[in-house]
Each structure stands twice: as C-alpha cells, then as structure tokens.
Amino acid sequence: MIRLPEKTLGTLIDKCSIAQLCYLDKDGFPVTRAMLKPRERHGFREFFFTTNTSSEKVNAFRNNPKASIYFVDRRFFRRVSLAGIAEILEDAATKERIWREGDEQYYSQGVTDPDYCVIKVTVQKVRYYSNFKSTEFSVR
C-alpha cells in the first residue's frame, strides 16, 4: 500500500501537463484522448476538465458515463490510472468556476458559449504503478 496516497498521487498528477481521458465509443470500443491537465481536482476523487460540448467524448459520456483518467510520470516511470463516472456539467456556476483567462481561444463566445462544458469525473478505483509493483484501491 502507498504510505501517503493523497500526497504521492497528488504530486504525480499535478506535475503532469497532459492527462489521458478514456471513454467507450458507440460500438463499445475504448477511445483515449489527450487532455490538458484537469482545471480542478479534489484529492484524487473528483477531476474537472473543459471541452467542447459538440465533441465525440461528450456524446459518448452521455450514453455511457464510464471513464478512465491516466497520468504518467515518464522520468520515474510511475503511473496512476483512475476509473470512475463522468458527468457533463453545463450549469453557469461550474462553467464560471472552471473558466480561465485565455479560454476565449477555444470558446469564442466566452463562458456562456454553448460549445463550452465541463467534464467531471468522480473516481471509484485507483491503480498506481511504481518500482515494478502495482497497487489498487477503492476511493470512498
């Protein structure tokens, strides 16, 4: 077991500039998308990403909310895989909280752009790999 999972995994996650977000397509096949790092996270229980409402992944999550997020520390060959349930959030309060200066380049109409939404992933299972060992645990 990891001695300080919140600190160990948090450090790994925060140092990664890219997250791999996975979903199942309409035929049930896994698809992986590189995403900018999460805009917000609460421990390793909840993760918030921005994306286009019109994207394939949003449609896929509306049909099947199972998701996986994968982070890699290439320098020390450590990884963490987080499995959970995705929600598409389009409420004004969440969109405003997650919005950052410069997002206009992706969403030309600003924070109220109908093609701007937030993906929230609530994690249920974690698998951490380091030193040629894997550790899996549930998140409550």
N, C-alpha and C. Protein backbone atom coordinates (compact mmCIF):
# COMPACT_ATOMS: atom_id res chain seq x y z
N MET A 1 0.85 -1.19 0.00
CA MET A 1 0.00 0.00 0.00
C MET A 1 0.88 1.24 0.00
N ILE A 2 0.37 2.29 -0.57
CA ILE A 2 1.08 3.56 -0.60
C ILE A 2 0.98 4.20 0.79
N ARG A 3 2.11 4.65 1.28
CA ARG A 3 2.12 5.22 2.63
C ARG A 3 1.31 6.50 2.73
N LEU A 4 1.49 7.43 1.81
CA LEU A 4 0.74 8.69 1.80
C LEU A 4 0.10 8.87 0.42
N PRO A 5 -0.99 8.14 0.14
CA PRO A 5 -1.55 8.16 -1.22
C PRO A 5 -1.97 9.54 -1.70
N GLU A 6 -2.59 10.34 -0.85
CA GLU A 6 -3.04 11.67 -1.27
C GLU A 6 -1.86 12.52 -1.73
N LYS A 7 -0.78 12.49 -0.98
CA LYS A 7 0.40 13.28 -1.33
C LYS A 7 1.13 12.68 -2.53
N THR A 8 1.35 11.37 -2.51
CA THR A 8 2.09 10.70 -3.58
C THR A 8 1.39 10.85 -4.93
N LEU A 9 0.11 10.51 -4.97
CA LEU A 9 -0.63 10.60 -6.22
C LEU A 9 -0.87 12.05 -6.63
N GLY A 10 -1.13 12.89 -5.65
CA GLY A 10 -1.35 14.31 -5.93
C GLY A 10 -0.15 14.95 -6.60
N THR A 11 1.04 14.64 -6.11
CA THR A 11 2.27 15.18 -6.69
C THR A 11 2.45 14.69 -8.12
N LEU A 12 2.24 13.39 -8.34
CA LEU A 12 2.36 12.84 -9.69
C LEU A 12 1.38 13.53 -10.63
N ILE A 13 0.12 13.63 -10.23
CA ILE A 13 -0.93 14.22 -11.06
C ILE A 13 -0.62 15.69 -11.35
N ASP A 14 -0.23 16.44 -10.34
CA ASP A 14 0.00 17.87 -10.51
C ASP A 14 1.19 18.18 -11.41
N LYS A 15 2.15 17.28 -11.49
CA LYS A 15 3.33 17.51 -12.33
C LYS A 15 3.08 17.18 -13.80
N CYS A 16 2.01 16.47 -14.08
CA CYS A 16 1.70 16.11 -15.47
C CYS A 16 0.98 17.26 -16.16
N SER A 17 1.42 17.58 -17.36
CA SER A 17 0.76 18.64 -18.12
C SER A 17 -0.35 18.09 -19.01
N ILE A 18 -0.34 16.79 -19.20
CA ILE A 18 -1.33 16.11 -20.04
C ILE A 18 -1.96 14.96 -19.25
N ALA A 19 -3.26 14.81 -19.42
CA ALA A 19 -3.99 13.66 -18.87
C ALA A 19 -4.57 12.89 -20.04
N GLN A 20 -4.62 11.59 -19.93
CA GLN A 20 -5.27 10.76 -20.94
C GLN A 20 -6.67 10.44 -20.41
N LEU A 21 -7.69 10.88 -21.12
CA LEU A 21 -9.07 10.64 -20.72
C LEU A 21 -9.65 9.59 -21.65
N CYS A 22 -10.22 8.54 -21.07
CA CYS A 22 -10.72 7.41 -21.87
C CYS A 22 -12.23 7.25 -21.70
N TYR A 23 -12.86 6.87 -22.79
CA TYR A 23 -14.29 6.62 -22.80
C TYR A 23 -14.57 5.47 -23.76
N LEU A 24 -15.82 5.02 -23.79
CA LEU A 24 -16.22 3.96 -24.71
C LEU A 24 -17.05 4.57 -25.83
N ASP A 25 -16.69 4.23 -27.08
CA ASP A 25 -17.44 4.79 -28.21
C ASP A 25 -18.78 4.07 -28.36
N LYS A 26 -19.54 4.47 -29.38
CA LYS A 26 -20.89 3.92 -29.57
C LYS A 26 -20.90 2.42 -29.82
N ASP A 27 -19.75 1.87 -30.27
CA ASP A 27 -19.65 0.44 -30.51
C ASP A 27 -19.03 -0.31 -29.33
N GLY A 28 -18.75 0.41 -28.24
CA GLY A 28 -18.20 -0.21 -27.04
C GLY A 28 -16.68 -0.33 -27.02
N PHE A 29 -16.01 0.30 -28.00
CA PHE A 29 -14.55 0.25 -28.03
C PHE A 29 -13.96 1.39 -27.23
N PRO A 30 -12.85 1.15 -26.53
CA PRO A 30 -12.23 2.23 -25.76
C PRO A 30 -11.54 3.24 -26.68
N VAL A 31 -11.66 4.51 -26.30
CA VAL A 31 -11.03 5.62 -27.02
C VAL A 31 -10.28 6.45 -25.98
N THR A 32 -9.07 6.86 -26.33
CA THR A 32 -8.26 7.68 -25.44
C THR A 32 -8.00 9.03 -26.08
N ARG A 33 -8.18 10.08 -25.29
CA ARG A 33 -7.93 11.43 -25.76
C ARG A 33 -6.95 12.12 -24.82
N ALA A 34 -5.95 12.77 -25.39
CA ALA A 34 -5.05 13.59 -24.58
C ALA A 34 -5.79 14.88 -24.24
N MET A 35 -5.75 15.24 -22.98
CA MET A 35 -6.43 16.45 -22.49
C MET A 35 -5.41 17.31 -21.76
N LEU A 36 -5.66 18.61 -21.74
CA LEU A 36 -4.87 19.45 -20.86
C LEU A 36 -5.14 19.00 -19.43
N LYS A 37 -4.20 19.29 -18.54
CA LYS A 37 -4.37 18.82 -17.16
C LYS A 37 -5.71 19.30 -16.59
N PRO A 38 -6.24 18.59 -15.62
CA PRO A 38 -7.52 18.99 -15.03
C PRO A 38 -7.47 20.43 -14.52
N ARG A 39 -8.55 21.15 -14.72
CA ARG A 39 -8.63 22.52 -14.24
C ARG A 39 -8.75 22.58 -12.72
N GLU A 40 -9.35 21.54 -12.20
CA GLU A 40 -9.57 21.48 -10.76
C GLU A 40 -9.63 20.02 -10.37
N ARG A 41 -9.17 19.72 -9.18
CA ARG A 41 -9.34 18.37 -8.66
C ARG A 41 -9.54 18.46 -7.16
N HIS A 42 -10.27 17.51 -6.64
CA HIS A 42 -10.48 17.40 -5.19
C HIS A 42 -9.86 16.08 -4.77
N GLY A 43 -8.64 16.17 -4.24
CA GLY A 43 -7.88 14.95 -3.93
C GLY A 43 -7.71 14.17 -5.22
N PHE A 44 -7.93 12.88 -5.14
CA PHE A 44 -7.99 12.10 -6.38
C PHE A 44 -9.37 11.46 -6.49
N ARG A 45 -10.37 12.17 -5.96
CA ARG A 45 -11.76 11.74 -6.01
C ARG A 45 -12.54 12.39 -7.16
N GLU A 46 -12.32 13.69 -7.39
CA GLU A 46 -13.05 14.40 -8.43
C GLU A 46 -12.10 15.21 -9.30
N PHE A 47 -12.32 15.13 -10.62
CA PHE A 47 -11.49 15.83 -11.59
C PHE A 47 -12.41 16.60 -12.55
N PHE A 48 -11.99 17.82 -12.91
CA PHE A 48 -12.79 18.67 -13.78
C PHE A 48 -11.95 19.09 -14.99
N PHE A 49 -12.48 18.81 -16.18
CA PHE A 49 -11.83 19.14 -17.45
C PHE A 49 -12.76 20.03 -18.27
N THR A 50 -12.19 20.89 -19.11
CA THR A 50 -13.00 21.65 -20.05
C THR A 50 -12.96 20.95 -21.40
N THR A 51 -14.04 21.11 -22.15
CA THR A 51 -14.08 20.55 -23.50
C THR A 51 -15.22 21.18 -24.29
N ASN A 52 -15.28 20.81 -25.56
CA ASN A 52 -16.37 21.27 -26.42
C ASN A 52 -17.59 20.38 -26.24
N THR A 53 -18.72 21.01 -26.05
CA THR A 53 -19.98 20.28 -25.90
C THR A 53 -20.25 19.42 -27.13
N SER A 54 -19.80 19.87 -28.29
CA SER A 54 -20.04 19.15 -29.54
C SER A 54 -19.06 17.99 -29.76
N SER A 55 -18.15 17.75 -28.84
CA SER A 55 -17.14 16.70 -29.05
C SER A 55 -17.72 15.29 -28.94
N GLU A 56 -17.02 14.38 -29.58
CA GLU A 56 -17.41 12.97 -29.56
C GLU A 56 -17.44 12.43 -28.13
N LYS A 57 -16.47 12.84 -27.30
CA LYS A 57 -16.39 12.31 -25.94
C LYS A 57 -17.59 12.72 -25.09
N VAL A 58 -18.09 13.94 -25.30
CA VAL A 58 -19.27 14.38 -24.55
C VAL A 58 -20.46 13.51 -24.91
N ASN A 59 -20.66 13.27 -26.18
CA ASN A 59 -21.75 12.40 -26.63
C ASN A 59 -21.58 10.99 -26.06
N ALA A 60 -20.35 10.49 -26.09
CA ALA A 60 -20.08 9.15 -25.56
C ALA A 60 -20.38 9.07 -24.07
N PHE A 61 -19.96 10.07 -23.30
CA PHE A 61 -20.21 10.07 -21.86
C PHE A 61 -21.70 10.20 -21.55
N ARG A 62 -22.43 10.88 -22.37
CA ARG A 62 -23.89 10.98 -22.16
C ARG A 62 -24.55 9.61 -22.33
N ASN A 63 -23.98 8.78 -23.21
CA ASN A 63 -24.52 7.44 -23.45
C ASN A 63 -23.98 6.38 -22.49
N ASN A 64 -22.73 6.55 -22.07
CA ASN A 64 -22.10 5.60 -21.16
C ASN A 64 -21.08 6.39 -20.33
N PRO A 65 -21.40 6.65 -19.07
CA PRO A 65 -20.56 7.55 -18.27
C PRO A 65 -19.27 6.93 -17.71
N LYS A 66 -18.98 5.68 -18.03
CA LYS A 66 -17.75 5.08 -17.51
C LYS A 66 -16.54 5.77 -18.13
N ALA A 67 -15.59 6.12 -17.26
CA ALA A 67 -14.42 6.88 -17.70
C ALA A 67 -13.17 6.39 -17.00
N SER A 68 -12.05 6.73 -17.60
CA SER A 68 -10.75 6.45 -17.01
C SER A 68 -9.84 7.64 -17.29
N ILE A 69 -9.03 8.00 -16.31
CA ILE A 69 -8.02 9.05 -16.49
C ILE A 69 -6.68 8.42 -16.18
N TYR A 70 -5.69 8.72 -17.01
CA TYR A 70 -4.37 8.11 -16.87
C TYR A 70 -3.31 9.20 -16.86
N PHE A 71 -2.44 9.15 -15.86
CA PHE A 71 -1.33 10.09 -15.74
C PHE A 71 -0.03 9.30 -15.71
N VAL A 72 1.00 9.84 -16.36
CA VAL A 72 2.30 9.17 -16.44
C VAL A 72 3.41 10.13 -16.01
N ASP A 73 4.25 9.66 -15.12
CA ASP A 73 5.49 10.35 -14.77
C ASP A 73 6.60 9.61 -15.50
N ARG A 74 6.97 10.12 -16.68
CA ARG A 74 7.95 9.41 -17.51
C ARG A 74 9.34 9.39 -16.88
N ARG A 75 9.66 10.40 -16.13
CA ARG A 75 11.00 10.47 -15.53
C ARG A 75 11.27 9.31 -14.57
N PHE A 76 10.29 9.00 -13.72
CA PHE A 76 10.47 7.94 -12.72
C PHE A 76 9.65 6.69 -13.04
N PHE A 77 9.04 6.66 -14.24
CA PHE A 77 8.25 5.53 -14.71
C PHE A 77 7.19 5.12 -13.68
N ARG A 78 6.46 6.13 -13.21
CA ARG A 78 5.32 5.89 -12.32
C ARG A 78 4.06 6.28 -13.07
N ARG A 79 2.96 5.60 -12.74
CA ARG A 79 1.70 5.89 -13.41
C ARG A 79 0.54 5.73 -12.43
N VAL A 80 -0.53 6.42 -12.75
CA VAL A 80 -1.76 6.23 -11.98
C VAL A 80 -2.93 6.22 -12.95
N SER A 81 -3.79 5.23 -12.77
CA SER A 81 -5.00 5.07 -13.56
C SER A 81 -6.19 5.22 -12.62
N LEU A 82 -7.11 6.09 -12.98
CA LEU A 82 -8.28 6.37 -12.15
C LEU A 82 -9.53 6.03 -12.94
N ALA A 83 -10.38 5.17 -12.41
CA ALA A 83 -11.60 4.77 -13.09
C ALA A 83 -12.80 5.30 -12.34
N GLY A 84 -13.78 5.82 -13.08
CA GLY A 84 -14.95 6.37 -12.41
C GLY A 84 -16.06 6.70 -13.38
N ILE A 85 -16.90 7.62 -12.94
CA ILE A 85 -18.10 8.01 -13.68
C ILE A 85 -17.99 9.48 -14.08
N ALA A 86 -18.24 9.75 -15.37
CA ALA A 86 -18.18 11.11 -15.91
C ALA A 86 -19.57 11.74 -15.95
N GLU A 87 -19.60 13.02 -15.68
CA GLU A 87 -20.81 13.83 -15.81
C GLU A 87 -20.48 15.02 -16.70
N ILE A 88 -21.42 15.43 -17.52
CA ILE A 88 -21.26 16.63 -18.34
C ILE A 88 -21.99 17.75 -17.61
N LEU A 89 -21.22 18.78 -17.23
CA LEU A 89 -21.78 19.91 -16.47
C LEU A 89 -21.86 21.13 -17.37
N GLU A 90 -23.05 21.71 -17.43
CA GLU A 90 -23.27 22.89 -18.25
C GLU A 90 -23.89 24.04 -17.46
N ASP A 91 -23.93 23.91 -16.15
CA ASP A 91 -24.51 24.97 -15.34
C ASP A 91 -23.55 26.16 -15.27
N ALA A 92 -24.11 27.35 -15.17
CA ALA A 92 -23.33 28.59 -15.21
C ALA A 92 -22.30 28.66 -14.09
N ALA A 93 -22.67 28.24 -12.89
CA ALA A 93 -21.75 28.35 -11.75
C ALA A 93 -20.49 27.51 -11.96
N THR A 94 -20.65 26.28 -12.42
CA THR A 94 -19.48 25.41 -12.66
C THR A 94 -18.64 25.95 -13.80
N LYS A 95 -19.29 26.34 -14.89
CA LYS A 95 -18.56 26.86 -16.04
C LYS A 95 -17.75 28.10 -15.66
N GLU A 96 -18.31 28.97 -14.89
CA GLU A 96 -17.60 30.18 -14.45
C GLU A 96 -16.44 29.84 -13.52
N ARG A 97 -16.64 28.89 -12.63
CA ARG A 97 -15.58 28.50 -11.68
C ARG A 97 -14.38 27.90 -12.41
N ILE A 98 -14.63 27.12 -13.44
CA ILE A 98 -13.57 26.40 -14.16
C ILE A 98 -12.92 27.27 -15.24
N TRP A 99 -13.62 28.29 -15.71
CA TRP A 99 -13.13 29.16 -16.78
C TRP A 99 -11.81 29.82 -16.41
N ARG A 100 -10.91 29.95 -17.37
CA ARG A 100 -9.62 30.63 -17.17
C ARG A 100 -9.43 31.67 -18.27
N GLU A 101 -8.70 32.71 -17.93
CA GLU A 101 -8.35 33.72 -18.92
C GLU A 101 -7.62 33.02 -20.07
N GLY A 102 -7.98 33.36 -21.28
CA GLY A 102 -7.38 32.73 -22.45
C GLY A 102 -8.26 31.66 -23.06
N ASP A 103 -9.30 31.22 -22.34
CA ASP A 103 -10.18 30.18 -22.87
C ASP A 103 -10.97 30.65 -24.09
N GLU A 104 -10.99 31.97 -24.32
CA GLU A 104 -11.70 32.51 -25.48
C GLU A 104 -11.14 31.94 -26.78
N GLN A 105 -9.88 31.51 -26.77
CA GLN A 105 -9.31 30.95 -27.99
C GLN A 105 -10.00 29.64 -28.38
N TYR A 106 -10.59 28.96 -27.42
CA TYR A 106 -11.30 27.70 -27.68
C TYR A 106 -12.82 27.92 -27.76
N TYR A 107 -13.30 28.89 -27.00
CA TYR A 107 -14.75 29.14 -26.89
C TYR A 107 -14.97 30.63 -27.17
N SER A 108 -15.19 30.97 -28.43
CA SER A 108 -15.19 32.37 -28.87
C SER A 108 -16.28 33.22 -28.22
N GLN A 109 -17.35 32.59 -27.75
CA GLN A 109 -18.43 33.36 -27.14
C GLN A 109 -18.24 33.51 -25.63
N GLY A 110 -17.10 33.09 -25.13
CA GLY A 110 -16.81 33.25 -23.70
C GLY A 110 -17.44 32.16 -22.85
N VAL A 111 -17.56 32.46 -21.58
CA VAL A 111 -18.03 31.46 -20.61
C VAL A 111 -19.45 30.98 -20.90
N THR A 112 -20.22 31.77 -21.63
CA THR A 112 -21.60 31.35 -21.96
C THR A 112 -21.69 30.63 -23.31
N ASP A 113 -20.55 30.38 -23.95
CA ASP A 113 -20.53 29.69 -25.23
C ASP A 113 -21.24 28.34 -25.10
N PRO A 114 -22.23 28.06 -25.94
CA PRO A 114 -22.94 26.78 -25.83
C PRO A 114 -22.05 25.57 -26.17
N ASP A 115 -20.89 25.83 -26.79
CA ASP A 115 -19.97 24.73 -27.11
C ASP A 115 -18.90 24.55 -26.03
N TYR A 116 -19.10 25.16 -24.87
CA TYR A 116 -18.19 25.02 -23.73
C TYR A 116 -18.91 24.27 -22.62
N CYS A 117 -18.28 23.21 -22.14
CA CYS A 117 -18.83 22.48 -20.99
C CYS A 117 -17.69 21.94 -20.15
N VAL A 118 -18.05 21.35 -19.03
CA VAL A 118 -17.08 20.78 -18.09
C VAL A 118 -17.38 19.30 -17.93
N ILE A 119 -16.34 18.50 -17.98
CA ILE A 119 -16.48 17.07 -17.67
C ILE A 119 -15.98 16.87 -16.25
N LYS A 120 -16.84 16.33 -15.42
CA LYS A 120 -16.46 15.99 -14.05
C LYS A 120 -16.37 14.46 -13.97
N VAL A 121 -15.23 13.96 -13.51
CA VAL A 121 -15.08 12.52 -13.31
C VAL A 121 -14.97 12.27 -11.82
N THR A 122 -15.88 11.45 -11.32
CA THR A 122 -15.85 11.03 -9.91
C THR A 122 -15.23 9.64 -9.87
N VAL A 123 -14.07 9.56 -9.24
CA VAL A 123 -13.26 8.35 -9.25
C VAL A 123 -13.76 7.33 -8.23
N GLN A 124 -13.75 6.07 -8.64
CA GLN A 124 -14.15 4.96 -7.77
C GLN A 124 -12.99 4.01 -7.49
N LYS A 125 -12.10 3.84 -8.49
CA LYS A 125 -10.97 2.90 -8.34
C LYS A 125 -9.68 3.57 -8.79
N VAL A 126 -8.60 3.22 -8.10
CA VAL A 126 -7.29 3.75 -8.41
C VAL A 126 -6.31 2.60 -8.55
N ARG A 127 -5.45 2.69 -9.57
CA ARG A 127 -4.34 1.74 -9.72
C ARG A 127 -3.09 2.57 -9.90
N TYR A 128 -2.12 2.33 -9.01
CA TYR A 128 -0.86 3.07 -9.01
C TYR A 128 0.27 2.09 -9.29
N TYR A 129 1.19 2.48 -10.19
CA TYR A 129 2.32 1.62 -10.54
C TYR A 129 3.61 2.38 -10.27
N SER A 130 4.49 1.73 -9.52
CA SER A 130 5.80 2.30 -9.22
C SER A 130 6.72 1.17 -8.77
N ASN A 131 8.00 1.30 -9.12
CA ASN A 131 9.00 0.30 -8.70
C ASN A 131 8.61 -1.13 -9.05
N PHE A 132 8.05 -1.30 -10.26
CA PHE A 132 7.66 -2.61 -10.78
C PHE A 132 6.57 -3.29 -9.96
N LYS A 133 5.79 -2.48 -9.22
CA LYS A 133 4.67 -3.02 -8.43
C LYS A 133 3.44 -2.19 -8.69
N SER A 134 2.31 -2.88 -8.65
CA SER A 134 1.02 -2.23 -8.85
C SER A 134 0.22 -2.32 -7.56
N THR A 135 -0.46 -1.22 -7.22
CA THR A 135 -1.32 -1.18 -6.06
C THR A 135 -2.68 -0.67 -6.51
N GLU A 136 -3.74 -1.38 -6.13
CA GLU A 136 -5.09 -0.97 -6.49
C GLU A 136 -5.90 -0.76 -5.23
N PHE A 137 -6.73 0.30 -5.24
CA PHE A 137 -7.61 0.53 -4.09
C PHE A 137 -8.83 1.30 -4.54
N SER A 138 -9.89 1.21 -3.73
CA SER A 138 -11.13 1.91 -4.00
C SER A 138 -11.09 3.28 -3.32
N VAL A 139 -11.83 4.22 -3.91
CA VAL A 139 -11.94 5.56 -3.35
C VAL A 139 -13.34 5.68 -2.77
N ARG A 140 -13.41 6.19 -1.58
CA ARG A 140 -14.74 6.37 -0.94
C ARG A 140 -15.03 7.80 -0.68
